[in-house]
Amino acid sequence: MLSGASSREELNCIIGEMIGDLNSSHTYQGGGDLEKENTQSVGYLGVDYEAEGNFYKIKKIIRGAPWDAEARSPLEMPGVNIKEGNYLLAVNGEPLTTAQEPFAFFQGLGDKTIELTYNSSPSFKGAKTVTVKAMKDEGRLRYLDWVETNRKRVDEETAGEVGYIYVPSTGIDGQNERMRQFNAQWNKKALII
């Protein structure tokens, strides 16, 4: 152990700083006796919540992009009729209130089937239930929504004459993204890449 480092995490930090001083790309450190934290996956619905009174309202359902079918909000699946503006009242029968932030009710529910109770008003009277499979990560969904929002803006501001393509990396994943987006817009007069 290097002098001054009292844990493996601190040693990794020191090694990382030394690697950074080399000014060399694609150089990494890893391994060692790291402590493993006890974690629980959080379930995600792919929505933005809005607190209203004692309940949470679904402010926005995050939609991916029509050119990519990988990531979809569980609320966009066939047979799920929860809409933007509906109140999410309970998760697996447990009332969901603004006393806690909404993700507290989804602890340990990532990638699991859950029951949601919802209504168009903040009341259990007349509420409906639906079963969905929660996501364990909504990063890809939010990324696709961001790209699609930019694409739509370019499309609207150029009367459909210019396309927008976002390439996230130069790796295989980035090239796959580029081709998906390109194939949907190849006939435009210009492309912003």
C-alpha atoms as a PDB file:
ATOM      1  CA  MET A   1       0.000   0.000   0.000  1.00  0.00           C
ATOM      2  CA  LEU A   2       1.348   3.435  -0.894  1.00  0.00           C
ATOM      3  CA  SER A   3       2.170   5.730   1.991  1.00  0.00           C
ATOM      4  CA  GLY A   4      -0.810   7.946   2.797  1.00  0.00           C
ATOM      5  CA  ALA A   5      -3.458   5.644   1.267  1.00  0.00           C
ATOM      6  CA  SER A   6      -5.562   3.938   3.920  1.00  0.00           C
ATOM      7  CA  SER A   7      -8.054   2.095   1.679  1.00  0.00           C
ATOM      8  CA  ARG A   8      -8.095   0.455  -1.733  1.00  0.00           C
ATOM      9  CA  GLU A   9     -10.416   3.203  -2.984  1.00  0.00           C
ATOM     10  CA  GLU A  10      -7.883   5.863  -1.967  1.00  0.00           C
ATOM     11  CA  LEU A  11      -5.051   3.884  -3.592  1.00  0.00           C
ATOM     12  CA  ASN A  12      -7.087   3.617  -6.810  1.00  0.00           C
ATOM     13  CA  CYS A  13      -7.607   7.378  -6.697  1.00  0.00           C
ATOM     14  CA  ILE A  14      -3.860   7.991  -6.382  1.00  0.00           C
ATOM     15  CA  ILE A  15      -3.108   5.555  -9.232  1.00  0.00           C
ATOM     16  CA  GLY A  16      -5.782   7.240 -11.351  1.00  0.00           C
ATOM     17  CA  GLU A  17      -4.221  10.650 -10.730  1.00  0.00           C
ATOM     18  CA  MET A  18      -0.799   9.295 -11.721  1.00  0.00           C
ATOM     19  CA  ILE A  19      -2.258   7.827 -14.932  1.00  0.00           C
ATOM     20  CA  GLY A  20      -3.884  11.197 -15.640  1.00  0.00           C
ATOM     21  CA  ASP A  21      -0.492  12.883 -15.388  1.00  0.00           C
ATOM     22  CA  LEU A  22       0.816  10.588 -18.148  1.00  0.00           C
ATOM     23  CA  ASN A  23      -1.493  12.335 -20.661  1.00  0.00           C
ATOM     24  CA  SER A  24      -2.194   8.976 -22.265  1.00  0.00           C
ATOM     25  CA  SER A  25      -5.653   8.057 -23.507  1.00  0.00           C
ATOM     26  CA  HIS A  26      -7.238   4.646 -23.056  1.00  0.00           C
ATOM     27  CA  THR A  27      -5.152   3.933 -19.950  1.00  0.00           C
ATOM     28  CA  TYR A  28      -7.009   2.557 -16.952  1.00  0.00           C
ATOM     29  CA  GLN A  29      -6.592   1.074 -13.512  1.00  0.00           C
ATOM     30  CA  GLY A  30      -8.829  -1.472 -11.867  1.00  0.00           C
ATOM     31  CA  GLY A  31      -9.082  -4.442  -9.568  1.00  0.00           C
ATOM     32  CA  GLY A  32      -7.875  -4.882  -6.032  1.00  0.00           C
ATOM     33  CA  ASP A  33      -9.699  -5.757  -2.849  1.00  0.00           C
ATOM     34  CA  LEU A  34     -12.698  -3.464  -3.197  1.00  0.00           C
ATOM     35  CA  GLU A  35     -15.560  -3.520  -0.743  1.00  0.00           C
ATOM     36  CA  LYS A  36     -18.835  -4.577  -2.296  1.00  0.00           C
ATOM     37  CA  GLU A  37     -21.814  -2.528  -1.295  1.00  0.00           C
ATOM     38  CA  ASN A  38     -25.182  -4.119  -0.721  1.00  0.00           C
ATOM     39  CA  THR A  39     -27.285  -2.561  -3.453  1.00  0.00           C
ATOM     40  CA  GLN A  40     -30.878  -2.835  -4.584  1.00  0.00           C
ATOM     41  CA  SER A  41     -31.964  -2.046  -8.087  1.00  0.00           C
ATOM     42  CA  VAL A  42     -34.462   0.766  -8.386  1.00  0.00           C
ATOM     43  CA  GLY A  43     -37.455   0.317 -10.653  1.00  0.00           C
ATOM     44  CA  TYR A  44     -38.084   3.025 -13.226  1.00  0.00           C
ATOM     45  CA  LEU A  45     -41.168   3.820 -15.259  1.00  0.00           C
ATOM     46  CA  GLY A  46     -39.544   6.224 -17.702  1.00  0.00           C
ATOM     47  CA  VAL A  47     -41.523   9.216 -16.482  1.00  0.00           C
ATOM     48  CA  ASP A  48     -41.049  12.667 -15.005  1.00  0.00           C
ATOM     49  CA  TYR A  49     -43.043  13.075 -11.802  1.00  0.00           C
ATOM     50  CA  GLU A  50     -44.748  16.212 -10.525  1.00  0.00           C
ATOM     51  CA  ALA A  51     -45.767  16.555  -6.881  1.00  0.00           C
ATOM     52  CA  GLU A  52     -49.290  17.835  -6.440  1.00  0.00           C
ATOM     53  CA  GLY A  53     -50.710  17.919  -2.949  1.00  0.00           C
ATOM     54  CA  ASN A  54     -50.132  14.518  -1.334  1.00  0.00           C
ATOM     55  CA  PHE A  55     -49.703  12.611  -4.598  1.00  0.00           C
ATOM     56  CA  TYR A  56     -47.459  12.383  -7.620  1.00  0.00           C
ATOM     57  CA  LYS A  57     -48.770  13.148 -11.048  1.00  0.00           C
ATOM     58  CA  ILE A  58     -47.163  11.822 -14.215  1.00  0.00           C
ATOM     59  CA  LYS A  59     -45.895  15.016 -15.798  1.00  0.00           C
ATOM     60  CA  LYS A  60     -44.296  13.390 -18.845  1.00  0.00           C
ATOM     61  CA  ILE A  61     -43.891   9.898 -20.220  1.00  0.00           C
ATOM     62  CA  ILE A  62     -40.380   9.702 -21.683  1.00  0.00           C
ATOM     63  CA  ARG A  63     -40.582   8.384 -25.188  1.00  0.00           C
ATOM     64  CA  GLY A  64     -37.589   7.060 -27.041  1.00  0.00           C
ATOM     65  CA  ALA A  65     -37.222   7.526 -30.755  1.00  0.00           C
ATOM     66  CA  PRO A  66     -39.259   5.972 -33.567  1.00  0.00           C
ATOM     67  CA  TRP A  67     -36.038   4.857 -35.271  1.00  0.00           C
ATOM     68  CA  ASP A  68     -35.002   2.785 -32.235  1.00  0.00           C
ATOM     69  CA  ALA A  69     -37.241   0.135 -30.661  1.00  0.00           C
ATOM     70  CA  GLU A  70     -34.848  -0.878 -27.855  1.00  0.00           C
ATOM     71  CA  ALA A  71     -35.981   1.367 -25.019  1.00  0.00           C
ATOM     72  CA  ARG A  72     -39.632   1.941 -24.171  1.00  0.00           C
ATOM     73  CA  SER A  73     -41.316   3.195 -21.044  1.00  0.00           C
ATOM     74  CA  PRO A  74     -43.348   0.462 -19.343  1.00  0.00           C
ATOM     75  CA  LEU A  75     -46.275   2.893 -19.617  1.00  0.00           C
ATOM     76  CA  GLU A  76     -46.094   2.714 -23.420  1.00  0.00           C
ATOM     77  CA  MET A  77     -46.622  -1.045 -23.562  1.00  0.00           C
ATOM     78  CA  PRO A  78     -49.807  -2.459 -25.096  1.00  0.00           C
ATOM     79  CA  GLY A  79     -52.731  -2.552 -22.667  1.00  0.00           C
ATOM     80  CA  VAL A  80     -51.291   0.078 -20.319  1.00  0.00           C
ATOM     81  CA  ASN A  81     -53.610   3.077 -20.291  1.00  0.00           C
ATOM     82  CA  ILE A  82     -51.790   5.378 -17.881  1.00  0.00           C
ATOM     83  CA  LYS A  83     -51.539   8.820 -19.466  1.00  0.00           C
ATOM     84  CA  GLU A  84     -49.635  11.999 -18.781  1.00  0.00           C
ATOM     85  CA  GLY A  85     -51.586  13.915 -16.133  1.00  0.00           C
ATOM     86  CA  ASN A  86     -52.720  10.742 -14.322  1.00  0.00           C
ATOM     87  CA  TYR A  87     -51.922  10.361 -10.635  1.00  0.00           C
ATOM     88  CA  LEU A  88     -49.814   7.414  -9.525  1.00  0.00           C
ATOM     89  CA  LEU A  89     -51.453   6.417  -6.232  1.00  0.00           C
ATOM     90  CA  ALA A  90     -49.803   3.128  -5.197  1.00  0.00           C
ATOM     91  CA  VAL A  91     -47.029   0.689  -6.075  1.00  0.00           C
ATOM     92  CA  ASN A  92     -47.776  -2.962  -5.242  1.00  0.00           C
ATOM     93  CA  GLY A  93     -50.629  -1.751  -3.040  1.00  0.00           C
ATOM     94  CA  GLU A  94     -48.408   0.590  -0.997  1.00  0.00           C
ATOM     95  CA  PRO A  95     -49.701   4.193  -1.197  1.00  0.00           C
ATOM     96  CA  LEU A  96     -47.251   6.458  -2.979  1.00  0.00           C
ATOM     97  CA  THR A  97     -47.307   9.914  -1.389  1.00  0.00           C
ATOM     98  CA  THR A  98     -45.208  13.052  -1.526  1.00  0.00           C
ATOM     99  CA  ALA A  99     -43.983  12.337   2.028  1.00  0.00           C
ATOM    100  CA  GLN A 100     -41.049  10.637   0.228  1.00  0.00           C
ATOM    101  CA  GLU A 101     -39.531  11.086  -3.185  1.00  0.00           C
ATOM    102  CA  PRO A 102     -41.123   8.700  -5.707  1.00  0.00           C
ATOM    103  CA  PHE A 103     -38.086   6.460  -6.259  1.00  0.00           C
ATOM    104  CA  ALA A 104     -38.214   5.374  -2.602  1.00  0.00           C
ATOM    105  CA  PHE A 105     -41.304   3.330  -3.502  1.00  0.00           C
ATOM    106  CA  PHE A 106     -39.446   1.486  -6.255  1.00  0.00           C
ATOM    107  CA  GLN A 107     -36.479   0.176  -4.212  1.00  0.00           C
ATOM    108  CA  GLY A 108     -35.591  -3.376  -5.231  1.00  0.00           C
ATOM    109  CA  LEU A 109     -38.129  -3.371  -8.083  1.00  0.00           C
ATOM    110  CA  GLY A 110     -35.816  -2.925 -11.064  1.00  0.00           C
ATOM    111  CA  ASP A 111     -36.630  -5.410 -13.843  1.00  0.00           C
ATOM    112  CA  LYS A 112     -39.551  -6.785 -11.796  1.00  0.00           C
ATOM    113  CA  THR A 113     -43.259  -7.006 -12.488  1.00  0.00           C
ATOM    114  CA  ILE A 114     -45.182  -4.543 -10.344  1.00  0.00           C
ATOM    115  CA  GLU A 115     -48.762  -3.401  -9.867  1.00  0.00           C
ATOM    116  CA  LEU A 116     -49.525   0.301 -10.247  1.00  0.00           C
ATOM    117  CA  THR A 117     -52.673   1.995  -8.995  1.00  0.00           C
ATOM    118  CA  TYR A 118     -53.568   5.169 -10.891  1.00  0.00           C
ATOM    119  CA  ASN A 119     -56.413   7.597 -11.490  1.00  0.00           C
ATOM    120  CA  SER A 120     -57.191  10.783 -13.383  1.00  0.00           C
ATOM    121  CA  SER A 121     -57.851  12.465 -10.022  1.00  0.00           C
ATOM    122  CA  PRO A 122     -55.888  12.316  -6.743  1.00  0.00           C
ATOM    123  CA  SER A 123     -58.307   9.802  -5.228  1.00  0.00           C
ATOM    124  CA  PHE A 124     -58.497   6.046  -4.784  1.00  0.00           C
ATOM    125  CA  LYS A 125     -62.221   6.211  -5.630  1.00  0.00           C
ATOM    126  CA  GLY A 126     -62.547   4.882  -9.180  1.00  0.00           C
ATOM    127  CA  ALA A 127     -58.806   4.114  -9.388  1.00  0.00           C
ATOM    128  CA  LYS A 128     -57.529   1.426 -11.753  1.00  0.00           C
ATOM    129  CA  THR A 129     -54.624  -0.990 -11.531  1.00  0.00           C
ATOM    130  CA  VAL A 130     -52.250  -2.247 -14.157  1.00  0.00           C
ATOM    131  CA  THR A 131     -49.304  -4.629 -14.107  1.00  0.00           C
ATOM    132  CA  VAL A 132     -46.043  -3.515 -15.748  1.00  0.00           C
ATOM    133  CA  LYS A 133     -42.421  -4.572 -15.738  1.00  0.00           C
ATOM    134  CA  ALA A 134     -40.298  -1.789 -14.248  1.00  0.00           C
ATOM    135  CA  MET A 135     -37.042  -0.836 -15.936  1.00  0.00           C
ATOM    136  CA  LYS A 136     -33.815  -1.153 -13.970  1.00  0.00           C
ATOM    137  CA  ASP A 137     -32.228   1.706 -15.895  1.00  0.00           C
ATOM    138  CA  GLU A 138     -33.839   4.471 -17.899  1.00  0.00           C
ATOM    139  CA  GLY A 139     -30.629   6.102 -19.131  1.00  0.00           C
ATOM    140  CA  ARG A 140     -30.994   4.798 -22.690  1.00  0.00           C
ATOM    141  CA  LEU A 141     -34.630   5.898 -22.837  1.00  0.00           C
ATOM    142  CA  ARG A 142     -33.771   9.431 -21.694  1.00  0.00           C
ATOM    143  CA  TYR A 143     -30.838   9.561 -24.118  1.00  0.00           C
ATOM    144  CA  LEU A 144     -33.101   8.592 -27.044  1.00  0.00           C
ATOM    145  CA  ASP A 145     -35.671  11.181 -25.958  1.00  0.00           C
ATOM    146  CA  TRP A 146     -32.946  13.862 -25.945  1.00  0.00           C
ATOM    147  CA  VAL A 147     -31.734  12.889 -29.436  1.00  0.00           C
ATOM    148  CA  GLU A 148     -35.296  12.777 -30.778  1.00  0.00           C
ATOM    149  CA  THR A 149     -36.106  16.181 -29.261  1.00  0.00           C
ATOM    150  CA  ASN A 150     -33.076  17.652 -31.050  1.00  0.00           C
ATOM    151  CA  ARG A 151     -34.004  15.912 -34.311  1.00  0.00           C
ATOM    152  CA  LYS A 152     -37.564  17.263 -34.171  1.00  0.00           C
ATOM    153  CA  ARG A 153     -36.305  20.782 -33.453  1.00  0.00           C
ATOM    154  CA  VAL A 154     -34.000  20.734 -36.479  1.00  0.00           C
ATOM    155  CA  ASP A 155     -36.792  19.254 -38.609  1.00  0.00           C
ATOM    156  CA  GLU A 156     -39.295  21.928 -37.533  1.00  0.00           C
ATOM    157  CA  GLU A 157     -36.884  24.857 -37.904  1.00  0.00           C
ATOM    158  CA  THR A 158     -35.826  23.797 -41.422  1.00  0.00           C
ATOM    159  CA  ALA A 159     -39.265  22.771 -42.717  1.00  0.00           C
ATOM    160  CA  GLY A 160     -38.097  19.154 -42.905  1.00  0.00           C
ATOM    161  CA  GLU A 161     -35.141  19.868 -45.195  1.00  0.00           C
ATOM    162  CA  VAL A 162     -32.326  19.166 -42.710  1.00  0.00           C
ATOM    163  CA  GLY A 163     -31.746  16.017 -40.679  1.00  0.00           C
ATOM    164  CA  TYR A 164     -30.054  15.632 -37.297  1.00  0.00           C
ATOM    165  CA  ILE A 165     -27.833  12.712 -36.321  1.00  0.00           C
ATOM    166  CA  TYR A 166     -26.105  12.343 -32.975  1.00  0.00           C
ATOM    167  CA  VAL A 167     -23.136   9.960 -32.837  1.00  0.00           C
ATOM    168  CA  PRO A 168     -22.397   9.134 -29.185  1.00  0.00           C
ATOM    169  CA  SER A 169     -19.029   7.475 -29.798  1.00  0.00           C
ATOM    170  CA  THR A 170     -16.727   6.158 -32.497  1.00  0.00           C
ATOM    171  CA  GLY A 171     -17.159   2.575 -31.322  1.00  0.00           C
ATOM    172  CA  ILE A 172     -19.448  -0.068 -32.761  1.00  0.00           C
ATOM    173  CA  ASP A 173     -22.400   1.198 -30.683  1.00  0.00           C
ATOM    174  CA  GLY A 174     -21.926   4.732 -32.019  1.00  0.00           C
ATOM    175  CA  GLN A 175     -21.691   3.535 -35.605  1.00  0.00           C
ATOM    176  CA  ASN A 176     -24.865   1.462 -35.168  1.00  0.00           C
ATOM    177  CA  GLU A 177     -26.634   4.580 -33.853  1.00  0.00           C
ATOM    178  CA  ARG A 178     -25.351   6.629 -36.776  1.00  0.00           C
ATOM    179  CA  MET A 179     -26.650   4.118 -39.315  1.00  0.00           C
ATOM    180  CA  ARG A 180     -30.082   3.853 -37.674  1.00  0.00           C
ATOM    181  CA  GLN A 181     -30.475   7.604 -37.696  1.00  0.00           C
ATOM    182  CA  PHE A 182     -28.964   8.008 -41.172  1.00  0.00           C
ATOM    183  CA  ASN A 183     -31.245   5.401 -42.747  1.00  0.00           C
ATOM    184  CA  ALA A 184     -34.258   7.328 -41.441  1.00  0.00           C
ATOM    185  CA  GLN A 185     -33.024  10.658 -42.885  1.00  0.00           C
ATOM    186  CA  TRP A 186     -30.815   9.864 -45.890  1.00  0.00           C
ATOM    187  CA  ASN A 187     -33.046  11.826 -48.288  1.00  0.00           C
ATOM    188  CA  LYS A 188     -32.680  15.230 -46.560  1.00  0.00           C
ATOM    189  CA  LYS A 189     -30.962  18.154 -48.343  1.00  0.00           C
ATOM    190  CA  ALA A 190     -28.452  18.396 -45.471  1.00  0.00           C
ATOM    191  CA  LEU A 191     -27.513  16.606 -42.265  1.00  0.00           C
ATOM    192  CA  ILE A 192     -26.256  17.973 -38.966  1.00  0.00           C
ATOM    193  CA  ILE A 193     -24.046  15.250 -37.507  1.00  0.00           C
END
